[in-house]
């Protein structure tokens, strides 16, 4: 996951792209790839690394669910 992101950031630099989020994104992927909860998993675990509630559907109120179902 980190390797792909790193290649994209590097290519953006090579072509002169103004990439304002690349470094922050790469740091986030780097941190996630070193976290035991996320290590060796795909990019979806960044949400977990950032503290997202992966059980949001279970924890959602019935009123909130009406709007998405």
PDB file of N, CA and C in Angstrom:
ATOM      1  N   UNK A   1       0.818  -1.177   0.000  1.00  0.00           N
ATOM      2  CA  UNK A   1       0.000   0.000   0.000  1.00  0.00           C
ATOM      3  C   UNK A   1       0.868   1.249   0.000  1.00  0.00           C
ATOM      4  N   UNK A   2       1.892   1.283   0.849  1.00  0.00           N
ATOM      5  CA  UNK A   2       2.760   2.450   0.900  1.00  0.00           C
ATOM      6  C   UNK A   2       3.557   2.590  -0.399  1.00  0.00           C
ATOM      7  N   UNK A   3       3.988   1.470  -0.938  1.00  0.00           N
ATOM      8  CA  UNK A   3       4.795   1.490  -2.154  1.00  0.00           C
ATOM      9  C   UNK A   3       4.037   2.157  -3.303  1.00  0.00           C
ATOM     10  N   UNK A   4       2.783   1.790  -3.513  1.00  0.00           N
ATOM     11  CA  UNK A   4       1.990   2.372  -4.599  1.00  0.00           C
ATOM     12  C   UNK A   4       1.808   3.877  -4.416  1.00  0.00           C
ATOM     13  N   UNK A   5       1.524   4.272  -3.186  1.00  0.00           N
ATOM     14  CA  UNK A   5       1.325   5.695  -2.912  1.00  0.00           C
ATOM     15  C   UNK A   5       2.628   6.460  -3.130  1.00  0.00           C
ATOM     16  N   UNK A   6       3.722   5.861  -2.694  1.00  0.00           N
ATOM     17  CA  UNK A   6       5.032   6.484  -2.859  1.00  0.00           C
ATOM     18  C   UNK A   6       5.374   6.663  -4.337  1.00  0.00           C
ATOM     19  N   UNK A   7       5.084   5.660  -5.146  1.00  0.00           N
ATOM     20  CA  UNK A   7       5.328   5.769  -6.587  1.00  0.00           C
ATOM     21  C   UNK A   7       4.503   6.889  -7.211  1.00  0.00           C
ATOM     22  N   UNK A   8       3.269   7.022  -6.773  1.00  0.00           N
ATOM     23  CA  UNK A   8       2.400   8.079  -7.305  1.00  0.00           C
ATOM     24  C   UNK A   8       2.923   9.467  -6.922  1.00  0.00           C
ATOM     25  N   UNK A   9       3.354   9.632  -5.670  1.00  0.00           N
ATOM     26  CA  UNK A   9       3.899  10.913  -5.226  1.00  0.00           C
ATOM     27  C   UNK A   9       5.183  11.232  -5.988  1.00  0.00           C
ATOM     28  N   UNK A  10       6.024  10.234  -6.155  1.00  0.00           N
ATOM     29  CA  UNK A  10       7.274  10.429  -6.890  1.00  0.00           C
ATOM     30  C   UNK A  10       7.005  10.836  -8.336  1.00  0.00           C
ATOM     31  N   UNK A  11       6.069  10.178  -8.998  1.00  0.00           N
ATOM     32  CA  UNK A  11       5.747  10.514 -10.380  1.00  0.00           C
ATOM     33  C   UNK A  11       5.177  11.928 -10.483  1.00  0.00           C
ATOM     34  N   UNK A  12       4.354  12.306  -9.533  1.00  0.00           N
ATOM     35  CA  UNK A  12       3.802  13.663  -9.537  1.00  0.00           C
ATOM     36  C   UNK A  12       4.922  14.699  -9.453  1.00  0.00           C
ATOM     37  N   UNK A  13       5.917  14.421  -8.623  1.00  0.00           N
ATOM     38  CA  UNK A  13       7.069  15.328  -8.517  1.00  0.00           C
ATOM     39  C   UNK A  13       7.837  15.385  -9.830  1.00  0.00           C
ATOM     40  N   UNK A  14       8.017  14.235 -10.462  1.00  0.00           N
ATOM     41  CA  UNK A  14       8.784  14.178 -11.721  1.00  0.00           C
ATOM     42  C   UNK A  14       8.148  15.008 -12.830  1.00  0.00           C
ATOM     43  N   UNK A  15       6.834  15.018 -12.868  1.00  0.00           N
ATOM     44  CA  UNK A  15       6.155  15.756 -13.938  1.00  0.00           C
ATOM     45  C   UNK A  15       5.817  17.189 -13.543  1.00  0.00           C
ATOM     46  N   UNK A  16       6.238  17.579 -12.337  1.00  0.00           N
ATOM     47  CA  UNK A  16       6.033  18.958 -11.908  1.00  0.00           C
ATOM     48  C   UNK A  16       4.650  19.275 -11.398  1.00  0.00           C
ATOM     49  N   UNK A  17       3.920  18.260 -11.008  1.00  0.00           N
ATOM     50  CA  UNK A  17       2.567  18.470 -10.498  1.00  0.00           C
ATOM     51  C   UNK A  17       2.600  19.139  -9.125  1.00  0.00           C
ATOM     52  N   UNK A  18       1.675  20.054  -8.898  1.00  0.00           N
ATOM     53  CA  UNK A  18       1.539  20.656  -7.576  1.00  0.00           C
ATOM     54  C   UNK A  18       0.707  19.697  -6.728  1.00  0.00           C
ATOM     55  N   UNK A  19       1.362  19.018  -5.842  1.00  0.00           N
ATOM     56  CA  UNK A  19       0.717  17.963  -5.076  1.00  0.00           C
ATOM     57  C   UNK A  19       0.696  18.354  -3.601  1.00  0.00           C
ATOM     58  N   UNK A  20      -0.373  18.979  -3.163  1.00  0.00           N
ATOM     59  CA  UNK A  20      -0.422  19.516  -1.809  1.00  0.00           C
ATOM     60  C   UNK A  20      -0.746  18.470  -0.749  1.00  0.00           C
ATOM     61  N   UNK A  21      -1.339  17.354  -1.125  1.00  0.00           N
ATOM     62  CA  UNK A  21      -1.707  16.334  -0.145  1.00  0.00           C
ATOM     63  C   UNK A  21      -0.830  15.089  -0.204  1.00  0.00           C
ATOM     64  N   UNK A  22       0.046  15.016  -1.173  1.00  0.00           N
ATOM     65  CA  UNK A  22       0.856  13.814  -1.359  1.00  0.00           C
ATOM     66  C   UNK A  22       1.688  13.448  -0.146  1.00  0.00           C
ATOM     67  N   UNK A  23       2.400  14.418   0.425  1.00  0.00           N
ATOM     68  CA  UNK A  23       3.253  14.141   1.582  1.00  0.00           C
ATOM     69  C   UNK A  23       2.463  13.700   2.797  1.00  0.00           C
ATOM     70  N   UNK A  24       1.356  14.362   3.051  1.00  0.00           N
ATOM     71  CA  UNK A  24       0.507  14.004   4.188  1.00  0.00           C
ATOM     72  C   UNK A  24      -0.086  12.613   3.986  1.00  0.00           C
ATOM     73  N   UNK A  25      -0.540  12.343   2.786  1.00  0.00           N
ATOM     74  CA  UNK A  25      -1.094  11.022   2.485  1.00  0.00           C
ATOM     75  C   UNK A  25      -0.056   9.933   2.629  1.00  0.00           C
ATOM     76  N   UNK A  26       1.145  10.200   2.125  1.00  0.00           N
ATOM     77  CA  UNK A  26       2.221   9.216   2.219  1.00  0.00           C
ATOM     78  C   UNK A  26       2.600   8.963   3.678  1.00  0.00           C
ATOM     79  N   UNK A  27       2.661  10.018   4.487  1.00  0.00           N
ATOM     80  CA  UNK A  27       2.936   9.848   5.922  1.00  0.00           C
ATOM     81  C   UNK A  27       1.858   9.001   6.596  1.00  0.00           C
ATOM     82  N   UNK A  28       0.609   9.205   6.197  1.00  0.00           N
ATOM     83  CA  UNK A  28      -0.500   8.438   6.766  1.00  0.00           C
ATOM     84  C   UNK A  28      -0.388   6.967   6.387  1.00  0.00           C
ATOM     85  N   UNK A  29      -0.139   6.693   5.120  1.00  0.00           N
ATOM     86  CA  UNK A  29       0.043   5.304   4.680  1.00  0.00           C
ATOM     87  C   UNK A  29       1.241   4.665   5.360  1.00  0.00           C
ATOM     88  N   UNK A  30       2.314   5.448   5.532  1.00  0.00           N
ATOM     89  CA  UNK A  30       3.508   4.937   6.196  1.00  0.00           C
ATOM     90  C   UNK A  30       3.184   4.535   7.632  1.00  0.00           C
ATOM     91  N   UNK A  31       2.472   5.403   8.342  1.00  0.00           N
ATOM     92  CA  UNK A  31       2.078   5.088   9.719  1.00  0.00           C
ATOM     93  C   UNK A  31       1.188   3.868   9.793  1.00  0.00           C
ATOM     94  N   UNK A  32       0.230   3.769   8.883  1.00  0.00           N
ATOM     95  CA  UNK A  32      -0.684   2.625   8.869  1.00  0.00           C
ATOM     96  C   UNK A  32       0.067   1.330   8.578  1.00  0.00           C
ATOM     97  N   UNK A  33       1.056   1.395   7.698  1.00  0.00           N
ATOM     98  CA  UNK A  33       1.781   0.173   7.337  1.00  0.00           C
ATOM     99  C   UNK A  33       2.651  -0.341   8.483  1.00  0.00           C
ATOM    100  N   UNK A  34       2.921   0.511   9.464  1.00  0.00           N
ATOM    101  CA  UNK A  34       3.733   0.111  10.616  1.00  0.00           C
ATOM    102  C   UNK A  34       2.888  -0.233  11.842  1.00  0.00           C
ATOM    103  N   UNK A  35       1.605   0.076  11.785  1.00  0.00           N
ATOM    104  CA  UNK A  35       0.694  -0.175  12.896  1.00  0.00           C
ATOM    105  C   UNK A  35       0.286  -1.654  12.896  1.00  0.00           C
ATOM    106  N   UNK A  36       0.391  -2.317  14.026  1.00  0.00           N
ATOM    107  CA  UNK A  36       0.071  -3.751  14.101  1.00  0.00           C
ATOM    108  C   UNK A  36      -1.362  -4.067  13.686  1.00  0.00           C
ATOM    109  N   UNK A  37      -2.291  -3.122  13.889  1.00  0.00           N
ATOM    110  CA  UNK A  37      -3.685  -3.353  13.504  1.00  0.00           C
ATOM    111  C   UNK A  37      -3.884  -3.298  11.994  1.00  0.00           C
ATOM    112  N   UNK A  38      -2.913  -2.727  11.285  1.00  0.00           N
ATOM    113  CA  UNK A  38      -3.082  -2.461   9.860  1.00  0.00           C
ATOM    114  C   UNK A  38      -2.027  -3.117   8.982  1.00  0.00           C
ATOM    115  N   UNK A  39      -0.967  -3.554   9.586  1.00  0.00           N
ATOM    116  CA  UNK A  39       0.180  -4.091   8.847  1.00  0.00           C
ATOM    117  C   UNK A  39      -0.237  -5.191   7.864  1.00  0.00           C
ATOM    118  N   UNK A  40       0.307  -5.135   6.675  1.00  0.00           N
ATOM    119  CA  UNK A  40       0.097  -6.125   5.618  1.00  0.00           C
ATOM    120  C   UNK A  40      -1.343  -6.207   5.105  1.00  0.00           C
ATOM    121  N   UNK A  41      -2.132  -5.175   5.327  1.00  0.00           N
ATOM    122  CA  UNK A  41      -3.497  -5.130   4.816  1.00  0.00           C
ATOM    123  C   UNK A  41      -3.597  -4.059   3.732  1.00  0.00           C
ATOM    124  N   UNK A  42      -4.699  -4.019   3.005  1.00  0.00           N
ATOM    125  CA  UNK A  42      -4.816  -3.051   1.925  1.00  0.00           C
ATOM    126  C   UNK A  42      -5.206  -1.670   2.441  1.00  0.00           C
ATOM    127  N   UNK A  43      -5.378  -0.752   1.526  1.00  0.00           N
ATOM    128  CA  UNK A  43      -5.558   0.660   1.877  1.00  0.00           C
ATOM    129  C   UNK A  43      -6.820   0.956   2.687  1.00  0.00           C
ATOM    130  N   UNK A  44      -7.764   0.049   2.705  1.00  0.00           N
ATOM    131  CA  UNK A  44      -8.986   0.291   3.477  1.00  0.00           C
ATOM    132  C   UNK A  44      -8.721   0.451   4.970  1.00  0.00           C
ATOM    133  N   UNK A  45      -7.579  -0.049   5.446  1.00  0.00           N
ATOM    134  CA  UNK A  45      -7.295   0.040   6.875  1.00  0.00           C
ATOM    135  C   UNK A  45      -6.852   1.435   7.303  1.00  0.00           C
ATOM    136  N   UNK A  46      -6.655   2.347   6.362  1.00  0.00           N
ATOM    137  CA  UNK A  46      -6.309   3.718   6.736  1.00  0.00           C
ATOM    138  C   UNK A  46      -7.421   4.308   7.597  1.00  0.00           C
ATOM    139  N   UNK A  47      -8.661   3.994   7.285  1.00  0.00           N
ATOM    140  CA  UNK A  47      -9.800   4.452   8.097  1.00  0.00           C
ATOM    141  C   UNK A  47      -9.646   3.956   9.532  1.00  0.00           C
ATOM    142  N   UNK A  48      -9.263   2.715   9.691  1.00  0.00           N
ATOM    143  CA  UNK A  48      -9.016   2.146  11.023  1.00  0.00           C
ATOM    144  C   UNK A  48      -7.863   2.885  11.703  1.00  0.00           C
ATOM    145  N   UNK A  49      -6.783   3.090  10.975  1.00  0.00           N
ATOM    146  CA  UNK A  49      -5.603   3.770  11.512  1.00  0.00           C
ATOM    147  C   UNK A  49      -5.947   5.177  11.998  1.00  0.00           C
ATOM    148  N   UNK A  50      -6.810   5.859  11.268  1.00  0.00           N
ATOM    149  CA  UNK A  50      -7.198   7.222  11.637  1.00  0.00           C
ATOM    150  C   UNK A  50      -8.233   7.270  12.753  1.00  0.00           C
ATOM    151  N   UNK A  51      -8.668   6.105  13.215  1.00  0.00           N
ATOM    152  CA  UNK A  51      -9.607   6.052  14.329  1.00  0.00           C
ATOM    153  C   UNK A  51     -11.058   5.976  13.928  1.00  0.00           C
ATOM    154  N   UNK A  52     -11.319   5.656  12.673  1.00  0.00           N
ATOM    155  CA  UNK A  52     -12.701   5.545  12.211  1.00  0.00           C
ATOM    156  C   UNK A  52     -13.422   4.366  12.843  1.00  0.00           C
ATOM    157  N   UNK A  53     -14.712   4.513  12.983  1.00  0.00           N
ATOM    158  CA  UNK A  53     -15.548   3.461  13.561  1.00  0.00           C
ATOM    159  C   UNK A  53     -15.968   2.504  12.451  1.00  0.00           C
ATOM    160  N   UNK A  54     -15.331   1.357  12.401  1.00  0.00           N
ATOM    161  CA  UNK A  54     -15.638   0.388  11.340  1.00  0.00           C
ATOM    162  C   UNK A  54     -16.988  -0.291  11.538  1.00  0.00           C
ATOM    163  N   UNK A  55     -17.540  -0.189  12.703  1.00  0.00           N
ATOM    164  CA  UNK A  55     -18.861  -0.752  12.986  1.00  0.00           C
ATOM    165  C   UNK A  55     -19.930   0.333  12.969  1.00  0.00           C
ATOM    166  N   UNK A  56     -19.729   1.348  12.143  1.00  0.00           N
ATOM    167  CA  UNK A  56     -20.635   2.489  12.131  1.00  0.00           C
ATOM    168  C   UNK A  56     -22.067   2.085  11.836  1.00  0.00           C
ATOM    169  N   UNK A  57     -22.265   1.098  10.981  1.00  0.00           N
ATOM    170  CA  UNK A  57     -23.625   0.704  10.631  1.00  0.00           C
ATOM    171  C   UNK A  57     -24.330   0.093  11.837  1.00  0.00           C
ATOM    172  N   UNK A  58     -23.623  -0.739  12.572  1.00  0.00           N
ATOM    173  CA  UNK A  58     -24.187  -1.362  13.766  1.00  0.00           C
ATOM    174  C   UNK A  58     -24.509  -0.303  14.826  1.00  0.00           C
ATOM    175  N   UNK A  59     -23.654   0.711  14.913  1.00  0.00           N
ATOM    176  CA  UNK A  59     -23.788   1.728  15.951  1.00  0.00           C
ATOM    177  C   UNK A  59     -24.689   2.897  15.553  1.00  0.00           C
ATOM    178  N   UNK A  60     -25.126   2.931  14.308  1.00  0.00           N
ATOM    179  CA  UNK A  60     -25.941   4.045  13.831  1.00  0.00           C
ATOM    180  C   UNK A  60     -27.345   3.987  14.424  1.00  0.00           C
ATOM    181  N   UNK A  61     -27.902   5.150  14.625  1.00  0.00           N
ATOM    182  CA  UNK A  61     -29.271   5.211  15.132  1.00  0.00           C
ATOM    183  C   UNK A  61     -30.252   4.831  14.032  1.00  0.00           C
ATOM    184  N   UNK A  62     -31.436   4.446  14.426  1.00  0.00           N
ATOM    185  CA  UNK A  62     -32.452   4.076  13.431  1.00  0.00           C
ATOM    186  C   UNK A  62     -32.814   5.263  12.555  1.00  0.00           C
ATOM    187  N   UNK A  63     -32.829   6.482  13.120  1.00  0.00           N
ATOM    188  CA  UNK A  63     -33.143   7.668  12.325  1.00  0.00           C
ATOM    189  C   UNK A  63     -32.090   7.895  11.240  1.00  0.00           C
ATOM    190  N   UNK A  64     -30.822   7.700  11.590  1.00  0.00           N
ATOM    191  CA  UNK A  64     -29.759   7.882  10.602  1.00  0.00           C
ATOM    192  C   UNK A  64     -29.850   6.824   9.513  1.00  0.00           C
ATOM    193  N   UNK A  65     -30.210   5.617   9.863  1.00  0.00           N
ATOM    194  CA  UNK A  65     -30.311   4.538   8.893  1.00  0.00           C
ATOM    195  C   UNK A  65     -31.436   4.764   7.894  1.00  0.00           C
ATOM    196  N   UNK A  66     -32.501   5.421   8.305  1.00  0.00           N
ATOM    197  CA  UNK A  66     -33.611   5.704   7.388  1.00  0.00           C
ATOM    198  C   UNK A  66     -33.144   6.518   6.202  1.00  0.00           C
ATOM    199  N   UNK A  67     -32.177   7.392   6.433  1.00  0.00           N
ATOM    200  CA  UNK A  67     -31.703   8.272   5.368  1.00  0.00           C
ATOM    201  C   UNK A  67     -30.827   7.557   4.339  1.00  0.00           C
ATOM    202  N   UNK A  68     -30.221   6.431   4.707  1.00  0.00           N
ATOM    203  CA  UNK A  68     -29.313   5.765   3.772  1.00  0.00           C
ATOM    204  C   UNK A  68     -29.879   4.485   3.181  1.00  0.00           C
ATOM    205  N   UNK A  69     -30.957   4.005   3.717  1.00  0.00           N
ATOM    206  CA  UNK A  69     -31.532   2.749   3.220  1.00  0.00           C
ATOM    207  C   UNK A  69     -32.684   3.008   2.300  1.00  0.00           C
TER     208      UNK A  69
END
